[in-house]
C-alpha atoms as a PDB file:
ATOM      1  CA  MET A   1      29.413 160.567 164.441  1.00  0.00           C
ATOM      2  CA  ARG A   2      31.185 158.525 167.106  1.00  0.00           C
ATOM      3  CA  LYS A   3      34.442 156.874 166.069  1.00  0.00           C
ATOM      4  CA  TRP A   4      34.022 153.094 165.973  1.00  0.00           C
ATOM      5  CA  MET A   5      36.382 150.746 167.808  1.00  0.00           C
ATOM      6  CA  VAL A   6      37.203 147.060 167.428  1.00  0.00           C
ATOM      7  CA  ALA A   7      39.326 145.715 170.287  1.00  0.00           C
ATOM      8  CA  GLY A   8      40.815 142.236 170.513  1.00  0.00           C
ATOM      9  CA  ASN A   9      41.126 140.758 174.004  1.00  0.00           C
ATOM     10  CA  TRP A  10      43.579 137.864 173.731  1.00  0.00           C
ATOM     11  CA  LYS A  11      43.040 136.832 177.379  1.00  0.00           C
ATOM     12  CA  MET A  12      45.535 134.154 178.566  1.00  0.00           C
ATOM     13  CA  HIS A  13      46.664 133.194 175.070  1.00  0.00           C
ATOM     14  CA  THR A  14      49.830 133.636 172.986  1.00  0.00           C
ATOM     15  CA  THR A  15      53.487 133.371 173.826  1.00  0.00           C
ATOM     16  CA  ILE A  16      55.605 136.401 172.948  1.00  0.00           C
ATOM     17  CA  PRO A  17      56.547 135.064 169.457  1.00  0.00           C
ATOM     18  CA  GLU A  18      52.894 134.159 168.777  1.00  0.00           C
ATOM     19  CA  ALA A  19      51.749 137.609 169.922  1.00  0.00           C
ATOM     20  CA  VAL A  20      54.328 139.342 167.756  1.00  0.00           C
ATOM     21  CA  ALA A  21      53.258 137.339 164.707  1.00  0.00           C
ATOM     22  CA  LEU A  22      49.549 137.979 165.282  1.00  0.00           C
ATOM     23  CA  ALA A  23      50.067 141.691 165.931  1.00  0.00           C
ATOM     24  CA  GLY A  24      52.123 141.936 162.752  1.00  0.00           C
ATOM     25  CA  GLN A  25      49.374 140.301 160.697  1.00  0.00           C
ATOM     26  CA  VAL A  26      46.697 142.581 162.139  1.00  0.00           C
ATOM     27  CA  SER A  27      48.714 145.783 161.749  1.00  0.00           C
ATOM     28  CA  ALA A  28      49.555 144.872 158.148  1.00  0.00           C
ATOM     29  CA  GLY A  29      45.885 144.169 157.475  1.00  0.00           C
ATOM     30  CA  VAL A  30      44.751 147.609 158.648  1.00  0.00           C
ATOM     31  CA  LYS A  31      47.594 149.559 157.058  1.00  0.00           C
ATOM     32  CA  GLY A  32      46.286 152.894 155.825  1.00  0.00           C
ATOM     33  CA  LEU A  33      43.163 152.740 157.977  1.00  0.00           C
ATOM     34  CA  SER A  34      41.909 156.298 158.488  1.00  0.00           C
ATOM     35  CA  ALA A  35      38.520 155.656 160.086  1.00  0.00           C
ATOM     36  CA  GLY A  36      37.788 154.051 163.427  1.00  0.00           C
ATOM     37  CA  GLU A  37      40.212 152.522 165.884  1.00  0.00           C
ATOM     38  CA  VAL A  38      41.728 149.057 166.277  1.00  0.00           C
ATOM     39  CA  VAL A  39      43.017 147.952 169.685  1.00  0.00           C
ATOM     40  CA  LEU A  40      44.937 144.835 170.755  1.00  0.00           C
ATOM     41  CA  ALA A  41      45.081 143.535 174.338  1.00  0.00           C
ATOM     42  CA  PRO A  42      47.749 140.815 174.602  1.00  0.00           C
ATOM     43  CA  PRO A  43      48.848 139.262 177.917  1.00  0.00           C
ATOM     44  CA  PHE A  44      51.188 141.301 180.131  1.00  0.00           C
ATOM     45  CA  THR A  45      54.257 139.349 179.003  1.00  0.00           C
ATOM     46  CA  ALA A  46      53.785 140.439 175.392  1.00  0.00           C
ATOM     47  CA  LEU A  47      52.790 144.099 175.864  1.00  0.00           C
ATOM     48  CA  ALA A  48      56.198 145.644 175.149  1.00  0.00           C
ATOM     49  CA  ALA A  49      56.889 143.341 172.203  1.00  0.00           C
ATOM     50  CA  VAL A  50      53.508 144.024 170.619  1.00  0.00           C
ATOM     51  CA  SER A  51      53.982 147.751 171.233  1.00  0.00           C
ATOM     52  CA  ASP A  52      57.136 147.637 169.107  1.00  0.00           C
ATOM     53  CA  VAL A  53      55.302 145.794 166.309  1.00  0.00           C
ATOM     54  CA  ILE A  54      52.355 148.206 166.083  1.00  0.00           C
ATOM     55  CA  LYS A  55      54.347 151.417 166.462  1.00  0.00           C
ATOM     56  CA  GLY A  56      53.508 153.769 163.605  1.00  0.00           C
ATOM     57  CA  THR A  57      50.400 151.795 162.606  1.00  0.00           C
ATOM     58  CA  PRO A  58      46.689 152.555 163.217  1.00  0.00           C
ATOM     59  CA  VAL A  59      46.641 149.956 166.030  1.00  0.00           C
ATOM     60  CA  SER A  60      46.601 150.913 169.724  1.00  0.00           C
ATOM     61  CA  LEU A  61      47.701 148.792 172.689  1.00  0.00           C
ATOM     62  CA  ALA A  62      45.586 147.838 175.699  1.00  0.00           C
ATOM     63  CA  SER A  63      46.238 145.990 178.917  1.00  0.00           C
ATOM     64  CA  GLN A  64      43.726 143.422 180.171  1.00  0.00           C
ATOM     65  CA  ASN A  65      43.832 144.729 183.748  1.00  0.00           C
ATOM     66  CA  MET A  66      45.787 146.920 186.195  1.00  0.00           C
ATOM     67  CA  PHE A  67      46.113 147.670 189.907  1.00  0.00           C
ATOM     68  CA  TYR A  68      45.015 150.958 191.450  1.00  0.00           C
ATOM     69  CA  GLU A  69      48.364 151.950 192.964  1.00  0.00           C
ATOM     70  CA  GLU A  70      51.401 153.347 191.147  1.00  0.00           C
ATOM     71  CA  LYS A  71      53.956 151.263 193.080  1.00  0.00           C
ATOM     72  CA  GLY A  72      54.368 149.289 196.276  1.00  0.00           C
ATOM     73  CA  ALA A  73      54.384 145.859 197.903  1.00  0.00           C
ATOM     74  CA  TYR A  74      51.670 144.322 195.740  1.00  0.00           C
ATOM     75  CA  THR A  75      53.146 141.035 194.558  1.00  0.00           C
ATOM     76  CA  GLY A  76      51.885 139.951 191.160  1.00  0.00           C
ATOM     77  CA  GLU A  77      50.194 143.242 190.267  1.00  0.00           C
ATOM     78  CA  ILE A  78      50.997 145.787 187.565  1.00  0.00           C
ATOM     79  CA  SER A  79      50.634 149.552 187.823  1.00  0.00           C
ATOM     80  CA  PRO A  80      49.353 152.169 185.362  1.00  0.00           C
ATOM     81  CA  LEU A  81      52.847 153.671 185.139  1.00  0.00           C
ATOM     82  CA  MET A  82      54.236 150.292 184.099  1.00  0.00           C
ATOM     83  CA  LEU A  83      51.532 149.984 181.453  1.00  0.00           C
ATOM     84  CA  LYS A  84      52.298 153.426 180.033  1.00  0.00           C
ATOM     85  CA  ASP A  85      55.969 152.499 179.967  1.00  0.00           C
ATOM     86  CA  ALA A  86      55.079 149.359 177.987  1.00  0.00           C
ATOM     87  CA  GLY A  87      53.228 151.454 175.399  1.00  0.00           C
ATOM     88  CA  CYS A  88      49.589 151.075 176.452  1.00  0.00           C
ATOM     89  CA  THR A  89      46.886 153.577 175.578  1.00  0.00           C
ATOM     90  CA  TYR A  90      43.899 151.628 176.937  1.00  0.00           C
ATOM     91  CA  VAL A  91      43.159 149.341 179.896  1.00  0.00           C
ATOM     92  CA  ILE A  92      40.297 146.835 180.049  1.00  0.00           C
ATOM     93  CA  ILE A  93      38.728 147.157 183.501  1.00  0.00           C
ATOM     94  CA  GLY A  94      35.973 145.093 185.113  1.00  0.00           C
ATOM     95  CA  HIS A  95      35.806 142.248 182.620  1.00  0.00           C
ATOM     96  CA  SER A  96      33.360 139.595 183.839  1.00  0.00           C
ATOM     97  CA  GLU A  97      36.152 137.020 184.070  1.00  0.00           C
ATOM     98  CA  ARG A  98      38.017 139.366 186.430  1.00  0.00           C
ATOM     99  CA  ARG A  99      34.833 139.820 188.448  1.00  0.00           C
ATOM    100  CA  LYS A 100      34.114 136.077 188.564  1.00  0.00           C
ATOM    101  CA  TYR A 101      37.510 134.455 189.047  1.00  0.00           C
ATOM    102  CA  PHE A 102      39.474 137.209 190.775  1.00  0.00           C
ATOM    103  CA  HIS A 103      36.696 138.855 192.759  1.00  0.00           C
ATOM    104  CA  ASP A 104      37.033 142.316 191.255  1.00  0.00           C
ATOM    105  CA  LEU A 105      34.419 144.331 193.138  1.00  0.00           C
ATOM    106  CA  ASP A 106      32.660 147.450 191.862  1.00  0.00           C
ATOM    107  CA  GLU A 107      34.541 149.508 194.455  1.00  0.00           C
ATOM    108  CA  ASN A 108      37.926 148.246 193.204  1.00  0.00           C
ATOM    109  CA  ILE A 109      36.873 148.790 189.606  1.00  0.00           C
ATOM    110  CA  ASN A 110      36.057 152.396 190.498  1.00  0.00           C
ATOM    111  CA  LEU A 111      39.519 152.858 192.048  1.00  0.00           C
ATOM    112  CA  LYS A 112      41.148 151.356 188.952  1.00  0.00           C
ATOM    113  CA  ILE A 113      39.260 153.688 186.605  1.00  0.00           C
ATOM    114  CA  LYS A 114      40.207 156.741 188.671  1.00  0.00           C
ATOM    115  CA  LYS A 115      43.885 155.765 188.739  1.00  0.00           C
ATOM    116  CA  CYS A 116      43.783 154.838 185.044  1.00  0.00           C
ATOM    117  CA  LEU A 117      42.474 158.286 184.076  1.00  0.00           C
ATOM    118  CA  ALA A 118      44.887 160.050 186.429  1.00  0.00           C
ATOM    119  CA  ALA A 119      47.775 158.288 184.695  1.00  0.00           C
ATOM    120  CA  GLY A 120      46.602 159.414 181.250  1.00  0.00           C
ATOM    121  CA  LEU A 121      45.349 155.975 180.213  1.00  0.00           C
ATOM    122  CA  LYS A 122      41.893 155.287 178.797  1.00  0.00           C
ATOM    123  CA  PRO A 123      39.692 152.682 180.493  1.00  0.00           C
ATOM    124  CA  ILE A 124      37.442 150.251 178.652  1.00  0.00           C
ATOM    125  CA  LEU A 125      34.843 149.584 181.357  1.00  0.00           C
ATOM    126  CA  CYS A 126      33.099 146.210 181.026  1.00  0.00           C
ATOM    127  CA  VAL A 127      29.574 145.673 182.365  1.00  0.00           C
ATOM    128  CA  GLY A 128      27.027 142.912 181.863  1.00  0.00           C
ATOM    129  CA  GLU A 129      24.474 140.607 183.428  1.00  0.00           C
ATOM    130  CA  THR A 130      24.429 136.856 183.971  1.00  0.00           C
ATOM    131  CA  LEU A 131      21.881 134.562 182.321  1.00  0.00           C
ATOM    132  CA  GLU A 132      20.025 134.214 185.620  1.00  0.00           C
ATOM    133  CA  GLU A 133      19.805 137.997 185.977  1.00  0.00           C
ATOM    134  CA  ARG A 134      18.507 138.381 182.427  1.00  0.00           C
ATOM    135  CA  GLU A 135      15.887 135.693 182.980  1.00  0.00           C
ATOM    136  CA  GLN A 136      14.805 137.497 186.146  1.00  0.00           C
ATOM    137  CA  GLY A 137      14.292 140.663 184.119  1.00  0.00           C
ATOM    138  CA  ILE A 138      16.831 142.731 186.058  1.00  0.00           C
ATOM    139  CA  THR A 139      19.368 143.394 183.302  1.00  0.00           C
ATOM    140  CA  GLU A 140      18.971 147.181 183.463  1.00  0.00           C
ATOM    141  CA  PHE A 141      19.170 147.195 187.258  1.00  0.00           C
ATOM    142  CA  VAL A 142      22.376 145.133 187.263  1.00  0.00           C
ATOM    143  CA  VAL A 143      24.089 146.962 184.410  1.00  0.00           C
ATOM    144  CA  GLY A 144      22.968 150.356 185.686  1.00  0.00           C
ATOM    145  CA  LEU A 145      24.387 149.649 189.141  1.00  0.00           C
ATOM    146  CA  GLN A 146      27.692 148.497 187.657  1.00  0.00           C
ATOM    147  CA  VAL A 147      27.973 151.699 185.603  1.00  0.00           C
ATOM    148  CA  LYS A 148      27.067 153.987 188.499  1.00  0.00           C
ATOM    149  CA  LYS A 149      29.465 152.328 190.944  1.00  0.00           C
ATOM    150  CA  ALA A 150      32.308 152.162 188.416  1.00  0.00           C
ATOM    151  CA  LEU A 151      32.011 155.867 187.558  1.00  0.00           C
ATOM    152  CA  TYR A 152      31.297 157.137 191.083  1.00  0.00           C
ATOM    153  CA  GLY A 153      33.219 160.341 191.788  1.00  0.00           C
ATOM    154  CA  ILE A 154      34.521 160.663 188.235  1.00  0.00           C
ATOM    155  CA  ASN A 155      33.803 164.120 186.850  1.00  0.00           C
ATOM    156  CA  ALA A 156      34.632 163.640 183.173  1.00  0.00           C
ATOM    157  CA  ILE A 157      34.377 160.513 181.032  1.00  0.00           C
ATOM    158  CA  ASP A 158      35.517 161.752 177.629  1.00  0.00           C
ATOM    159  CA  ASP A 159      38.286 159.102 177.707  1.00  0.00           C
ATOM    160  CA  VAL A 160      36.097 156.273 179.021  1.00  0.00           C
ATOM    161  CA  VAL A 161      34.864 153.544 176.654  1.00  0.00           C
ATOM    162  CA  ILE A 162      32.088 151.261 177.911  1.00  0.00           C
ATOM    163  CA  ALA A 163      31.730 147.660 176.763  1.00  0.00           C
ATOM    164  CA  TYR A 164      28.453 145.858 177.323  1.00  0.00           C
ATOM    165  CA  GLU A 165      29.260 142.161 177.595  1.00  0.00           C
ATOM    166  CA  PRO A 166      26.397 139.914 178.695  1.00  0.00           C
ATOM    167  CA  VAL A 167      28.141 137.284 180.805  1.00  0.00           C
ATOM    168  CA  TRP A 168      26.039 134.505 179.306  1.00  0.00           C
ATOM    169  CA  ALA A 169      27.406 135.298 175.833  1.00  0.00           C
ATOM    170  CA  ILE A 170      31.136 135.386 176.643  1.00  0.00           C
ATOM    171  CA  GLY A 171      32.931 132.361 175.211  1.00  0.00           C
ATOM    172  CA  THR A 172      29.686 130.413 174.856  1.00  0.00           C
ATOM    173  CA  GLY A 173      29.068 130.865 171.145  1.00  0.00           C
ATOM    174  CA  LYS A 174      25.806 132.608 172.032  1.00  0.00           C
ATOM    175  CA  ASN A 175      25.426 136.291 171.360  1.00  0.00           C
ATOM    176  CA  ALA A 176      22.656 138.714 172.170  1.00  0.00           C
ATOM    177  CA  LEU A 177      20.331 139.454 169.279  1.00  0.00           C
ATOM    178  CA  PRO A 178      21.157 142.864 167.772  1.00  0.00           C
ATOM    179  CA  ILE A 179      17.931 144.355 169.121  1.00  0.00           C
ATOM    180  CA  GLU A 180      18.634 142.922 172.606  1.00  0.00           C
ATOM    181  CA  ALA A 181      22.132 144.411 172.597  1.00  0.00           C
ATOM    182  CA  GLU A 182      20.822 147.720 171.261  1.00  0.00           C
ATOM    183  CA  GLU A 183      18.271 147.971 174.072  1.00  0.00           C
ATOM    184  CA  VAL A 184      20.998 147.720 176.706  1.00  0.00           C
ATOM    185  CA  HIS A 185      23.324 150.058 174.818  1.00  0.00           C
ATOM    186  CA  ARG A 186      20.549 152.644 174.576  1.00  0.00           C
ATOM    187  CA  PHE A 187      19.817 152.245 178.279  1.00  0.00           C
ATOM    188  CA  VAL A 188      23.495 152.768 179.144  1.00  0.00           C
ATOM    189  CA  ARG A 189      23.729 155.815 176.870  1.00  0.00           C
ATOM    190  CA  HIS A 190      20.674 157.396 178.499  1.00  0.00           C
ATOM    191  CA  LEU A 191      22.038 156.581 181.952  1.00  0.00           C
ATOM    192  CA  VAL A 192      25.381 158.190 181.139  1.00  0.00           C
ATOM    193  CA  GLY A 193      23.444 161.127 179.722  1.00  0.00           C
ATOM    194  CA  ASP A 194      21.615 161.565 183.027  1.00  0.00           C
ATOM    195  CA  MET A 195      24.954 161.440 184.839  1.00  0.00           C
ATOM    196  CA  TYR A 196      27.081 163.579 182.528  1.00  0.00           C
ATOM    197  CA  GLY A 197      24.811 165.420 180.115  1.00  0.00           C
ATOM    198  CA  GLU A 198      25.807 165.988 176.503  1.00  0.00           C
ATOM    199  CA  VAL A 199      28.908 163.805 176.801  1.00  0.00           C
ATOM    200  CA  CYS A 200      26.651 160.766 176.335  1.00  0.00           C
ATOM    201  CA  ALA A 201      26.486 161.541 172.628  1.00  0.00           C
ATOM    202  CA  ARG A 202      30.270 161.129 172.426  1.00  0.00           C
ATOM    203  CA  THR A 203      30.696 158.107 174.700  1.00  0.00           C
ATOM    204  CA  ARG A 204      31.558 154.964 172.763  1.00  0.00           C
ATOM    205  CA  ILE A 205      29.738 151.810 173.835  1.00  0.00           C
ATOM    206  CA  LEU A 206      30.997 148.496 172.464  1.00  0.00           C
ATOM    207  CA  TYR A 207      29.330 145.101 172.376  1.00  0.00           C
ATOM    208  CA  GLY A 208      31.186 141.973 173.473  1.00  0.00           C
ATOM    209  CA  GLY A 209      30.180 138.329 173.682  1.00  0.00           C
ATOM    210  CA  SER A 210      30.949 135.724 171.005  1.00  0.00           C
ATOM    211  CA  VAL A 211      31.417 138.395 168.324  1.00  0.00           C
ATOM    212  CA  THR A 212      32.351 137.005 164.882  1.00  0.00           C
ATOM    213  CA  GLN A 213      32.493 138.285 161.338  1.00  0.00           C
ATOM    214  CA  ASP A 214      29.148 136.545 160.780  1.00  0.00           C
ATOM    215  CA  ASN A 215      27.231 138.553 163.397  1.00  0.00           C
ATOM    216  CA  ILE A 216      29.109 141.860 163.659  1.00  0.00           C
ATOM    217  CA  GLY A 217      27.381 143.343 160.606  1.00  0.00           C
ATOM    218  CA  ASP A 218      23.941 143.293 162.201  1.00  0.00           C
ATOM    219  CA  LEU A 219      25.301 144.447 165.559  1.00  0.00           C
ATOM    220  CA  ILE A 220      27.257 147.423 164.227  1.00  0.00           C
ATOM    221  CA  GLY A 221      24.195 148.450 162.249  1.00  0.00           C
ATOM    222  CA  MET A 222      22.439 149.370 165.509  1.00  0.00           C
ATOM    223  CA  GLU A 223      22.359 153.078 166.344  1.00  0.00           C
ATOM    224  CA  ASP A 224      23.991 152.870 169.782  1.00  0.00           C
ATOM    225  CA  ILE A 225      26.565 150.114 169.155  1.00  0.00           C
ATOM    226  CA  ASP A 226      29.917 151.704 168.338  1.00  0.00           C
ATOM    227  CA  GLY A 227      32.056 148.624 167.871  1.00  0.00           C
ATOM    228  CA  ALA A 228      33.085 145.394 169.518  1.00  0.00           C
ATOM    229  CA  LEU A 229      35.282 143.926 172.222  1.00  0.00           C
ATOM    230  CA  VAL A 230      36.259 140.631 170.624  1.00  0.00           C
ATOM    231  CA  GLY A 231      37.545 137.563 172.457  1.00  0.00           C
ATOM    232  CA  GLY A 232      38.148 134.234 170.727  1.00  0.00           C
ATOM    233  CA  ALA A 233      37.702 135.579 167.207  1.00  0.00           C
ATOM    234  CA  SER A 234      40.603 137.993 167.752  1.00  0.00           C
ATOM    235  CA  LEU A 235      43.113 135.138 168.073  1.00  0.00           C
ATOM    236  CA  LYS A 236      43.161 134.510 164.307  1.00  0.00           C
ATOM    237  CA  SER A 237      44.066 137.451 162.120  1.00  0.00           C
ATOM    238  CA  GLU A 238      41.690 136.376 159.326  1.00  0.00           C
ATOM    239  CA  GLY A 239      38.659 136.395 161.602  1.00  0.00           C
ATOM    240  CA  PHE A 240      39.621 139.588 163.402  1.00  0.00           C
ATOM    241  CA  LEU A 241      40.333 141.456 160.165  1.00  0.00           C
ATOM    242  CA  GLY A 242      37.063 140.076 158.805  1.00  0.00           C
ATOM    243  CA  ILE A 243      35.239 141.728 161.708  1.00  0.00           C
ATOM    244  CA  ILE A 244      37.018 145.029 161.073  1.00  0.00           C
ATOM    245  CA  ASN A 245      36.148 144.901 157.370  1.00  0.00           C
ATOM    246  CA  LYS A 246      32.473 144.251 158.162  1.00  0.00           C
ATOM    247  CA  VAL A 247      32.468 147.284 160.437  1.00  0.00           C
ATOM    248  CA  LEU A 248      34.050 149.375 157.697  1.00  0.00           C
ATOM    249  CA  GLU A 249      31.310 148.287 155.293  1.00  0.00           C
ATOM    250  CA  LYS A 250      28.623 149.478 157.687  1.00  0.00           C
ATOM    251  CA  ARG A 251      30.349 152.678 158.823  1.00  0.00           C
END
């Protein structure tokens, strides 16, 4: 049985005091958790502070992005070594907002994943199609290409988590129907199986896109959905803990 994961991506929200308070509420709410994994991804400015809050709890820390070099003249970027120093275990890579607004290309995403793994960090690779691509019936082509390019030249993916996030569902209040999400998750699992063999049975694939405590129950009930990458609903501890509790009920 794959270990479920619920990760909260706070995006460009929370000051350091707000992040500390929210992380404290979440870590207190999952105290004693022995199953699954809870991950928080605050903004860069709050990583170290949140790391101190969650130390010794069942909560892990993630960064929302990273650069693919360890050091150098790259103004405004942050390296995997800096993230490890701040207490990170995971790094979100290839989120659709990074692809759209900051022109993260598949080739750069591949470099980031390689450097992430080399540094002993665990990538959460985000893939997903736009509404136009879904309506054209090319979801599997688009998602498959993103997966193949992101993992090109990577020999082992035991530490890679994949998050399927249909772009049309992120921050829109719309989410894929459970069966629609399951179809893509199953496709990705089979694709990874073709690429890496038996490891596909162990690879965790999360769903992301307007996840709430009202819809997570049906989503997590699908065979190939192993958890959720949560955006807006992770900014309030009640809603985020509600999602975690629904997952616990199902798993």
